[in-house]
Amino acid sequence: MTHLCISHRRLVQCSDPGISAVPVNVPADTVKLRLEKTFISKVPRAAFYNLSELRFLWLTYNSITSIHPSSFVNLKALRELRLDGNLLSSFPWEGLRDMPRLQTLGLHNNRLSSLPAQAAVFLPNITYLDLSSNRLTLLPGELLELWFPLRGQQEGTEQRRILGLHDNPWLCDCQISMVMSLSMSMGSPIVLMDQLLICRRSLEQTGILMTEADLSLCMRPSVQPAATRVISPLGSNVILRCDATGYPTPTLIWIKTTAYTDCCRQEIPEDTDQLPRNLESFMQESPRVGVRWSIITLNGLSYKDAGEYRCQARNMAGISEAPIKLKVVGVSTLSRLPKKKKKKKKSRKISTNSSLNNRKTNLNTIQTNPPSVKENQILENITAPSINKTRMAPTLSPKVYEYIKRRKMNLTDAKTSTFVKSPNEPPKNSTTVLLSKTVV
């Protein structure tokens, strides 16, 4: 290798002041790489791509001012990254995604002036973070939630972290004060390298010890619900509300802790959600600093909505919550009875109407149906006598001839029923009566 670089048992160390760029000819099986006291000012993209087995990367006391967000691509085995003693005014926190096993991150003695809130997203696996001797003034609340998880939110055992926050011009606010006080409590997950933190009331003032700062404005939140017990009928809509005060302004969340209080268990399905659980659909607003209110709306209440709800407020000074019990009353089966009765009445009306219609149609068919084909054939085969009775068969009586004649008359009337009769034509019944009189 060029310049003064020492390679021994997969360890490469370069400390030549003449080096101004990251070397590209480092052996691929290198486990530890140290580039120290050089004039390297930039770390380019994929600068260590070929070093997939690298576990320790020290870039300390150089002149690095910028690091590309993709500088650490393919460093999946890296455990320790140190950038102490450089000129960094910002750090690409999103680049930590390319180092999933990273646990140690050293940024001591740089020029960092702010910590973005999104940095907390990429720091869950970091157990050693040194931010000392920078220009930091504020800590975002997201980092405090990461370092001091609230009760019930931590997964498994709490992970202990070592933080270096000293030698920064911190402003005297609740965040840095809570870090100081919580780190000194028994069983704290945070260990400070140096507990003598200096803070200032403003950027123009000189620093004082954190223990001497007046932080009376920091106030643990208090919660006041609009009602502690709500009774609402089945199927109705209900709104639960709570108000909270504190400093910094607290945030609110809703949690359902228990189900079916004072309610019939048999009306609730067995596959109800596991409790307690956080509710996501709610609204919250802050009309002024230190005050926040929140509401949650439950539409179309059922028995599974009954139970205990908790409105929880939290800020850096602590957590507070208030319970609200919701009772759902009513009988779900009463609303179905009238429907069944109406259905039965309708079916009876339909059946009676259908029977009446059937009767009417039967009567109409009896009165208006013409003789069948078989009857017509019988009537045509029988020779009716003439009116002057000259060819009367000896075997047929006059009454039979009268019946035959009437049937033939009905037959002809049925065939010609589609024609419109003249107004002078007598009705059918009267004609039948007249014929019967003449025959008789």
Protein backbone atom coordinates (compact mmCIF):
# COMPACT_ATOMS: atom_id res chain seq x y z
CA MET A 1 0.00 0.00 0.00
CA THR A 2 1.11 3.57 -0.63
CA HIS A 3 1.96 6.06 2.11
CA LEU A 4 2.44 4.89 5.69
CA CYS A 5 -0.20 2.17 6.03
CA ILE A 6 0.38 -0.89 8.21
CA SER A 7 -1.42 -4.17 7.48
CA HIS A 8 -1.27 -6.94 10.04
CA ARG A 9 -3.68 -9.84 10.53
CA ARG A 10 -6.63 -8.21 8.79
CA LEU A 11 -5.91 -4.87 10.49
CA VAL A 12 -5.10 -1.82 8.35
CA GLN A 13 -3.96 1.46 9.89
CA CYS A 14 -3.10 4.60 7.90
CA SER A 15 -1.87 7.77 9.60
CA ASP A 16 0.09 9.56 6.87
CA PRO A 17 -0.69 13.32 6.69
CA GLY A 18 -0.22 13.10 2.93
CA ILE A 19 -3.40 10.99 2.48
CA SER A 20 -6.22 13.19 1.19
CA ALA A 21 -8.71 10.55 0.02
CA VAL A 22 -10.03 7.26 1.28
CA PRO A 23 -7.70 4.53 -0.07
CA VAL A 24 -9.27 2.10 -2.53
CA ASN A 25 -6.71 -0.73 -2.33
CA VAL A 26 -7.53 -1.94 1.19
CA PRO A 27 -7.60 -5.77 1.34
CA ALA A 28 -11.13 -7.18 1.07
CA ASP A 29 -10.74 -9.36 4.19
CA THR A 30 -9.95 -6.39 6.45
CA VAL A 31 -11.79 -6.49 9.77
CA LYS A 32 -10.52 -3.24 11.32
CA LEU A 33 -9.62 -0.09 9.38
CA ARG A 34 -8.13 3.02 11.01
CA LEU A 35 -7.64 6.22 9.01
CA GLU A 36 -6.30 8.76 11.50
CA LYS A 37 -4.61 12.18 11.34
CA THR A 38 -4.91 12.54 7.59
CA PHE A 39 -6.15 15.31 5.31
CA ILE A 40 -9.21 13.37 4.18
CA SER A 41 -12.02 15.93 3.89
CA LYS A 42 -14.81 13.96 2.22
CA VAL A 43 -16.12 10.43 2.44
CA PRO A 44 -17.53 9.58 -1.00
CA ARG A 45 -20.37 7.29 -1.92
CA ALA A 46 -19.73 3.54 -1.40
CA ALA A 47 -16.23 4.33 -0.11
CA PHE A 48 -15.98 0.97 1.69
CA TYR A 49 -18.16 -1.19 -0.55
CA ASN A 50 -15.52 -3.93 -1.00
CA LEU A 51 -14.97 -4.31 2.76
CA SER A 52 -18.00 -6.47 3.55
CA GLU A 53 -16.21 -8.13 6.51
CA LEU A 54 -15.30 -4.84 8.17
CA ARG A 55 -16.32 -4.65 11.85
CA PHE A 56 -14.41 -1.60 13.15
CA LEU A 57 -14.02 1.65 11.21
CA TRP A 58 -12.11 4.52 12.77
CA LEU A 59 -11.97 7.82 10.88
CA THR A 60 -10.71 9.92 13.77
CA TYR A 61 -8.91 13.27 13.84
CA ASN A 62 -8.99 13.94 10.15
CA SER A 63 -10.39 16.96 8.29
CA ILE A 64 -13.72 15.40 7.28
CA THR A 65 -16.40 18.00 6.62
CA SER A 66 -18.99 15.94 4.72
CA ILE A 67 -20.10 12.32 4.49
CA HIS A 68 -22.28 11.01 1.67
CA PRO A 69 -25.48 9.31 2.92
CA SER A 70 -24.47 6.16 1.01
CA SER A 71 -20.86 6.07 2.18
CA PHE A 72 -21.43 2.99 4.35
CA VAL A 73 -23.21 0.75 1.81
CA ASN A 74 -22.47 -2.99 2.23
CA LEU A 75 -21.09 -2.62 5.76
CA LYS A 76 -23.59 -5.07 7.25
CA ALA A 77 -21.05 -6.51 9.69
CA LEU A 78 -19.84 -3.18 11.09
CA ARG A 79 -20.11 -2.91 14.88
CA GLU A 80 -18.19 0.32 15.65
CA LEU A 81 -17.92 3.65 13.81
CA ARG A 82 -15.83 6.48 15.22
CA LEU A 83 -15.64 9.95 13.69
CA ASP A 84 -14.17 11.87 16.63
CA GLY A 85 -12.09 15.00 16.07
CA ASN A 86 -13.39 16.01 12.62
CA LEU A 87 -15.13 19.09 11.22
CA LEU A 88 -18.63 17.68 10.76
CA SER A 89 -21.48 20.20 11.06
CA SER A 90 -24.05 17.53 10.17
CA PHE A 91 -24.23 13.77 10.05
CA PRO A 92 -26.20 11.57 7.58
CA TRP A 93 -28.30 9.70 10.13
CA GLU A 94 -30.18 7.83 7.42
CA GLY A 95 -26.88 6.18 6.46
CA LEU A 96 -27.12 4.08 9.62
CA ARG A 97 -29.63 1.86 7.81
CA ASP A 98 -26.73 0.33 5.88
CA MET A 99 -25.11 -0.74 9.18
CA PRO A 100 -27.81 -2.82 10.94
CA ARG A 101 -25.35 -4.25 13.52
CA LEU A 102 -23.78 -0.96 14.51
CA GLN A 103 -23.72 -0.44 18.29
CA THR A 104 -21.04 2.22 18.87
CA LEU A 105 -21.14 5.66 17.26
CA GLY A 106 -18.57 8.27 18.26
CA LEU A 107 -19.10 11.90 17.17
CA HIS A 108 -17.05 13.58 19.91
CA ASN A 109 -15.39 16.93 19.18
CA ASN A 110 -17.13 17.95 15.97
CA ARG A 111 -19.25 20.96 14.99
CA LEU A 112 -22.74 19.50 15.25
CA SER A 113 -25.21 22.26 16.12
CA SER A 114 -28.52 20.38 15.95
CA LEU A 115 -30.03 16.93 16.22
CA PRO A 116 -32.94 16.27 13.84
CA ALA A 117 -36.00 14.53 15.21
CA GLN A 118 -35.72 11.77 12.57
CA ALA A 119 -32.37 10.72 14.03
CA ALA A 120 -34.32 8.70 16.62
CA VAL A 121 -35.59 6.43 13.84
CA PHE A 122 -32.07 5.22 13.02
CA LEU A 123 -30.68 4.90 16.56
CA PRO A 124 -32.61 2.03 18.17
CA ASN A 125 -29.63 -0.37 18.08
CA ILE A 126 -27.01 2.15 19.24
CA THR A 127 -25.90 1.42 22.82
CA TYR A 128 -22.98 3.87 22.91
CA LEU A 129 -23.46 7.40 21.52
CA ASP A 130 -20.90 10.12 22.17
CA LEU A 131 -22.13 13.62 21.26
CA SER A 132 -19.89 15.50 23.66
CA SER A 133 -17.87 18.59 22.75
CA ASN A 134 -20.15 19.79 19.98
CA ARG A 135 -22.43 22.83 19.60
CA LEU A 136 -25.75 21.22 20.53
CA THR A 137 -28.38 23.38 22.25
CA LEU A 138 -31.62 21.31 22.16
CA LEU A 139 -32.61 17.69 22.37
CA PRO A 140 -35.70 16.64 20.38
CA GLY A 141 -38.45 14.91 22.31
CA GLU A 142 -38.26 11.90 19.98
CA LEU A 143 -34.79 11.08 21.29
CA LEU A 144 -35.97 11.21 24.88
CA GLU A 145 -38.81 8.82 24.06
CA LEU A 146 -36.23 6.48 22.54
CA TRP A 147 -33.87 6.66 25.52
CA PHE A 148 -36.56 6.73 28.20
CA PRO A 149 -39.44 4.59 26.91
CA LEU A 150 -42.76 5.05 28.66
CA ARG A 151 -44.26 2.31 30.77
CA GLY A 152 -45.89 -0.34 28.62
CA GLN A 153 -44.11 0.75 25.43
CA GLN A 154 -40.74 -0.90 25.81
CA GLU A 155 -40.37 -4.30 24.17
CA GLY A 156 -38.80 -6.89 26.43
CA THR A 157 -36.08 -5.74 28.79
CA GLU A 158 -34.90 -2.14 28.70
CA GLN A 159 -31.65 -1.66 26.79
CA ARG A 160 -29.00 0.29 28.67
CA ARG A 161 -27.30 3.08 26.75
CA ILE A 162 -24.20 5.16 27.41
CA LEU A 163 -24.54 8.80 26.36
CA GLY A 164 -21.97 11.55 26.11
CA LEU A 165 -23.81 14.91 26.29
CA HIS A 166 -21.31 17.05 28.19
CA ASP A 167 -19.45 20.07 26.88
CA ASN A 168 -22.38 21.35 24.82
CA PRO A 169 -24.06 24.77 25.18
CA TRP A 170 -27.45 23.33 26.19
CA LEU A 171 -30.38 25.64 26.75
CA CYS A 172 -32.00 25.23 30.16
CA ASP A 173 -35.23 23.50 29.18
CA CYS A 174 -37.28 20.56 30.41
CA GLN A 175 -35.78 18.06 27.96
CA ILE A 176 -32.18 18.31 29.08
CA SER A 177 -33.33 18.63 32.69
CA MET A 178 -35.33 15.39 32.46
CA VAL A 179 -32.35 13.58 30.93
CA MET A 180 -30.27 14.73 33.85
CA SER A 181 -32.78 13.74 36.53
CA LEU A 182 -33.84 10.44 34.95
CA SER A 183 -30.25 9.32 34.41
CA MET A 184 -29.64 9.73 38.15
CA SER A 185 -32.69 7.68 39.16
CA MET A 186 -32.44 4.07 40.28
CA GLY A 187 -32.54 1.55 37.43
CA SER A 188 -32.27 4.17 34.70
CA PRO A 189 -31.61 2.81 31.19
CA ILE A 190 -29.30 5.78 30.50
CA VAL A 191 -25.78 6.24 31.86
CA LEU A 192 -24.15 9.63 31.29
CA MET A 193 -20.40 9.73 30.77
CA ASP A 194 -20.30 13.05 32.61
CA GLN A 195 -23.19 14.26 34.79
CA LEU A 196 -21.87 17.83 35.10
CA LEU A 197 -23.97 19.34 32.32
CA ILE A 198 -23.84 23.06 31.66
CA CYS A 199 -26.93 24.92 30.46
CA ARG A 200 -27.84 28.51 29.61
CA ARG A 201 -31.14 30.35 29.98
CA SER A 202 -30.48 32.02 26.62
CA LEU A 203 -27.87 31.94 23.91
CA GLU A 204 -26.35 35.21 25.14
CA GLN A 205 -25.88 34.14 28.76
CA THR A 206 -23.03 32.16 30.18
CA GLY A 207 -23.54 28.62 31.27
CA ILE A 208 -24.52 27.41 34.72
CA LEU A 209 -24.73 23.97 36.21
CA MET A 210 -27.91 22.09 35.47
CA THR A 211 -28.49 21.53 39.15
CA GLU A 212 -28.57 25.32 39.72
CA ALA A 213 -31.02 26.09 36.92
CA ASP A 214 -34.55 27.14 37.86
CA LEU A 215 -36.77 24.71 35.98
CA SER A 216 -40.02 25.43 37.81
CA LEU A 217 -41.85 25.73 34.49
CA CYS A 218 -41.54 21.98 33.95
CA MET A 219 -44.88 20.57 35.08
CA ARG A 220 -46.15 17.03 35.13
CA PRO A 221 -49.36 16.73 33.07
CA SER A 222 -52.77 16.48 34.68
CA VAL A 223 -55.86 15.04 32.95
CA GLN A 224 -59.48 16.02 33.47
CA PRO A 225 -62.17 14.00 31.59
CA ALA A 226 -65.50 15.58 30.67
CA ALA A 227 -67.25 12.66 32.41
CA THR A 228 -65.93 9.66 34.31
CA ARG A 229 -68.99 7.47 33.63
CA VAL A 230 -71.10 7.45 30.46
CA ILE A 231 -74.30 5.46 29.87
CA SER A 232 -75.55 5.35 26.29
CA PRO A 233 -78.21 3.23 24.52
CA LEU A 234 -77.42 0.52 22.04
CA GLY A 235 -76.86 1.79 18.50
CA SER A 236 -76.32 5.42 19.51
CA ASN A 237 -73.27 7.66 19.00
CA VAL A 238 -71.11 8.92 21.86
CA ILE A 239 -68.15 11.32 22.17
CA LEU A 240 -65.56 10.96 24.95
CA ARG A 241 -63.44 14.00 25.79
CA CYS A 242 -60.57 14.85 28.10
CA ASP A 243 -58.43 17.95 28.73
CA ALA A 244 -54.81 18.01 29.86
CA THR A 245 -52.43 20.67 31.14
CA GLY A 246 -48.66 20.57 31.64
CA TYR A 247 -45.36 21.94 30.45
CA PRO A 248 -44.08 21.14 27.91
CA THR A 249 -47.51 20.84 26.30
CA PRO A 250 -48.49 17.20 26.77
CA THR A 251 -49.57 14.85 24.03
CA LEU A 252 -52.65 12.64 24.47
CA ILE A 253 -53.42 9.05 23.54
CA TRP A 254 -56.49 6.87 24.14
CA ILE A 255 -56.28 3.33 25.49
CA LYS A 256 -59.05 0.78 25.98
CA THR A 257 -58.18 -1.26 29.05
CA THR A 258 -61.21 -3.47 29.80
CA ALA A 259 -64.41 -4.57 28.07
CA TYR A 260 -68.12 -5.22 28.89
CA THR A 261 -68.38 -3.56 32.27
CA ASP A 262 -71.91 -4.03 33.69
CA CYS A 263 -72.97 -5.71 30.47
CA CYS A 264 -74.09 -9.10 29.24
CA ARG A 265 -71.13 -11.20 28.19
CA GLN A 266 -73.26 -13.50 26.02
CA GLU A 267 -74.00 -10.60 23.68
CA ILE A 268 -70.27 -10.04 22.94
CA PRO A 269 -68.44 -12.22 20.39
CA GLU A 270 -65.62 -14.37 21.70
CA ASP A 271 -63.09 -13.08 19.17
CA THR A 272 -62.83 -9.60 20.69
CA ASP A 273 -59.54 -7.72 20.41
CA GLN A 274 -56.90 -8.22 23.06
CA LEU A 275 -56.80 -5.57 25.73
CA PRO A 276 -55.33 -3.16 26.59
CA ARG A 277 -54.83 -1.62 23.16
CA ASN A 278 -54.13 1.86 21.85
CA LEU A 279 -56.90 3.52 19.85
CA GLU A 280 -55.80 5.29 16.69
CA SER A 281 -58.92 7.16 15.54
CA PHE A 282 -59.10 10.30 17.70
CA MET A 283 -58.53 14.04 17.41
CA GLN A 284 -56.48 16.40 19.58
CA GLU A 285 -55.82 20.13 19.52
CA SER A 286 -53.69 22.58 21.49
CA PRO A 287 -55.41 25.98 21.85
CA ARG A 288 -52.38 27.44 23.67
CA VAL A 289 -49.05 26.45 25.18
CA GLY A 290 -49.45 24.03 28.07
CA VAL A 291 -53.04 22.99 27.22
CA ARG A 292 -54.33 20.20 24.99
CA TRP A 293 -57.71 18.49 24.56
CA SER A 294 -58.73 15.34 22.74
CA ILE A 295 -61.96 13.60 21.73
CA ILE A 296 -62.79 10.12 20.48
CA THR A 297 -66.04 9.31 18.66
CA LEU A 298 -67.81 5.94 18.85
CA ASN A 299 -70.59 5.51 16.30
CA GLY A 300 -73.34 2.86 16.36
CA LEU A 301 -72.57 1.52 19.83
CA SER A 302 -72.57 -2.24 20.34
CA TYR A 303 -71.93 -4.26 23.47
CA LYS A 304 -68.28 -4.78 22.51
CA ASP A 305 -67.74 -0.99 22.74
CA ALA A 306 -68.60 -1.05 26.44
CA GLY A 307 -65.69 -0.97 28.86
CA GLU A 308 -63.09 1.31 30.38
CA TYR A 309 -61.23 3.90 28.32
CA ARG A 310 -58.18 5.81 29.54
CA CYS A 311 -57.03 9.21 28.34
CA GLN A 312 -53.26 9.34 28.84
CA ALA A 313 -51.21 12.56 28.78
CA ARG A 314 -47.42 12.61 28.68
CA ASN A 315 -44.57 15.05 28.44
CA MET A 316 -40.95 15.13 29.54
CA ALA A 317 -41.97 15.67 33.14
CA GLY A 318 -44.08 12.54 33.43
CA ILE A 319 -47.29 10.69 32.60
CA SER A 320 -50.84 11.07 33.84
CA GLU A 321 -54.10 9.38 32.85
CA ALA A 322 -57.81 9.35 33.72
CA PRO A 323 -60.35 6.51 33.29
CA ILE A 324 -63.77 6.80 31.62
CA LYS A 325 -66.27 3.94 31.96
CA LEU A 326 -68.75 3.43 29.14
CA LYS A 327 -71.90 1.39 29.69
CA VAL A 328 -74.13 0.32 26.79
CA VAL A 329 -77.79 -0.39 27.64
CA GLY A 330 -80.65 -1.77 25.56
CA VAL A 331 -82.10 -5.05 24.23
CA SER A 332 -81.21 -5.88 20.68
CA THR A 333 -84.04 -8.44 20.13
CA LEU A 334 -86.96 -6.02 20.70
CA SER A 335 -86.43 -4.25 17.43
CA ARG A 336 -86.96 -7.47 15.47
CA LEU A 337 -90.37 -8.48 16.85
CA PRO A 338 -92.54 -5.93 15.00
CA LYS A 339 -90.89 -6.87 11.73
CA LYS A 340 -91.86 -10.51 12.14
CA LYS A 341 -95.51 -9.62 12.92
CA LYS A 342 -95.75 -7.38 9.88
CA LYS A 343 -94.38 -10.10 7.67
CA LYS A 344 -97.02 -12.57 8.94
CA LYS A 345 -99.88 -10.13 8.33
CA LYS A 346 -98.69 -9.47 4.83
CA SER A 347 -98.49 -13.16 4.07
CA ARG A 348 -102.04 -13.71 5.32
CA LYS A 349 -103.36 -10.87 3.20
CA ILE A 350 -101.59 -12.22 0.20
CA SER A 351 -102.98 -15.72 0.77
CA THR A 352 -106.56 -14.46 1.24
CA ASN A 353 -106.34 -12.23 -1.79
CA SER A 354 -104.95 -15.06 -3.85
CA SER A 355 -107.77 -17.40 -2.74
CA LEU A 356 -110.40 -14.78 -3.63
CA ASN A 357 -108.82 -14.23 -7.00
CA ASN A 358 -108.76 -17.98 -7.60
CA ARG A 359 -112.43 -18.21 -6.75
CA LYS A 360 -113.28 -15.36 -9.10
CA THR A 361 -111.30 -16.87 -11.92
CA ASN A 362 -112.98 -20.22 -11.39
CA LEU A 363 -116.42 -18.60 -11.58
CA ASN A 364 -115.45 -16.72 -14.70
CA THR A 365 -114.21 -19.88 -16.35
CA ILE A 366 -117.42 -21.65 -15.45
CA GLN A 367 -119.55 -18.86 -16.86
CA THR A 368 -117.62 -17.85 -19.95
CA ASN A 369 -115.64 -20.89 -21.08
CA PRO A 370 -117.01 -22.32 -24.38
CA PRO A 371 -117.74 -26.04 -24.76
CA SER A 372 -114.77 -28.31 -25.07
CA VAL A 373 -113.74 -29.92 -28.37
CA LYS A 374 -115.15 -33.26 -27.29
CA GLU A 375 -118.53 -31.71 -26.53
CA ASN A 376 -118.56 -29.96 -29.92
CA GLN A 377 -117.95 -33.25 -31.70
CA ILE A 378 -120.85 -34.87 -29.83
CA LEU A 379 -123.18 -31.99 -30.65
CA GLU A 380 -122.22 -32.00 -34.33
CA ASN A 381 -122.86 -35.73 -34.72
CA ILE A 382 -126.38 -35.37 -33.37
CA THR A 383 -128.88 -34.09 -35.95
CA ALA A 384 -131.20 -31.64 -34.34
CA PRO A 385 -134.79 -31.55 -35.52
CA SER A 386 -136.04 -28.62 -37.48
CA ILE A 387 -138.39 -26.15 -35.94
CA ASN A 388 -141.41 -27.49 -37.90
CA LYS A 389 -140.64 -30.98 -36.44
CA THR A 390 -140.81 -32.82 -39.81
CA ARG A 391 -137.71 -35.00 -39.21
CA MET A 392 -137.76 -35.80 -35.52
CA ALA A 393 -135.96 -39.02 -34.57
CA PRO A 394 -138.20 -41.39 -32.67
CA THR A 395 -135.49 -42.08 -30.05
CA LEU A 396 -134.97 -38.45 -28.90
CA SER A 397 -137.38 -36.59 -26.67
CA PRO A 398 -138.23 -32.90 -27.12
CA LYS A 399 -136.26 -31.98 -24.01
CA VAL A 400 -133.10 -33.51 -25.51
CA TYR A 401 -133.56 -31.48 -28.68
CA GLU A 402 -134.05 -28.40 -26.59
CA TYR A 403 -130.77 -29.07 -24.73
CA ILE A 404 -128.91 -29.67 -28.01
CA LYS A 405 -130.25 -26.48 -29.49
CA ARG A 406 -129.25 -24.44 -26.47
CA ARG A 407 -125.73 -25.90 -26.53
CA LYS A 408 -125.37 -25.07 -30.20
CA MET A 409 -126.59 -21.58 -29.53
CA ASN A 410 -124.00 -21.16 -26.75
CA LEU A 411 -121.34 -22.56 -29.08
CA THR A 412 -122.09 -20.06 -31.79
CA ASP A 413 -122.23 -17.22 -29.28
CA ALA A 414 -118.84 -18.20 -27.90
CA LYS A 415 -117.26 -18.31 -31.37
CA THR A 416 -118.70 -14.92 -32.34
CA SER A 417 -118.08 -13.21 -28.98
CA THR A 418 -115.26 -11.12 -30.43
CA PHE A 419 -117.59 -9.30 -32.81
CA VAL A 420 -119.37 -6.13 -31.72
CA LYS A 421 -123.12 -6.59 -31.54
CA SER A 422 -125.49 -4.01 -32.89
CA PRO A 423 -127.51 -2.06 -30.34
CA ASN A 424 -130.79 -3.59 -31.68
CA GLU A 425 -129.66 -7.16 -31.09
CA PRO A 426 -131.20 -8.66 -27.97
CA PRO A 427 -128.98 -9.93 -25.24
CA LYS A 428 -127.89 -13.55 -25.11
CA ASN A 429 -129.93 -14.47 -22.08
CA SER A 430 -133.11 -13.05 -23.51
CA THR A 431 -132.60 -14.99 -26.73
CA THR A 432 -132.21 -18.19 -24.74
CA VAL A 433 -135.42 -17.45 -22.89
CA LEU A 434 -137.35 -16.80 -26.10
CA LEU A 435 -136.15 -20.02 -27.72
CA SER A 436 -137.13 -22.00 -24.71
CA LYS A 437 -140.57 -20.50 -24.84
CA THR A 438 -141.09 -21.30 -28.55
CA VAL A 439 -139.88 -24.89 -28.16
CA VAL A 440 -142.02 -25.51 -25.15
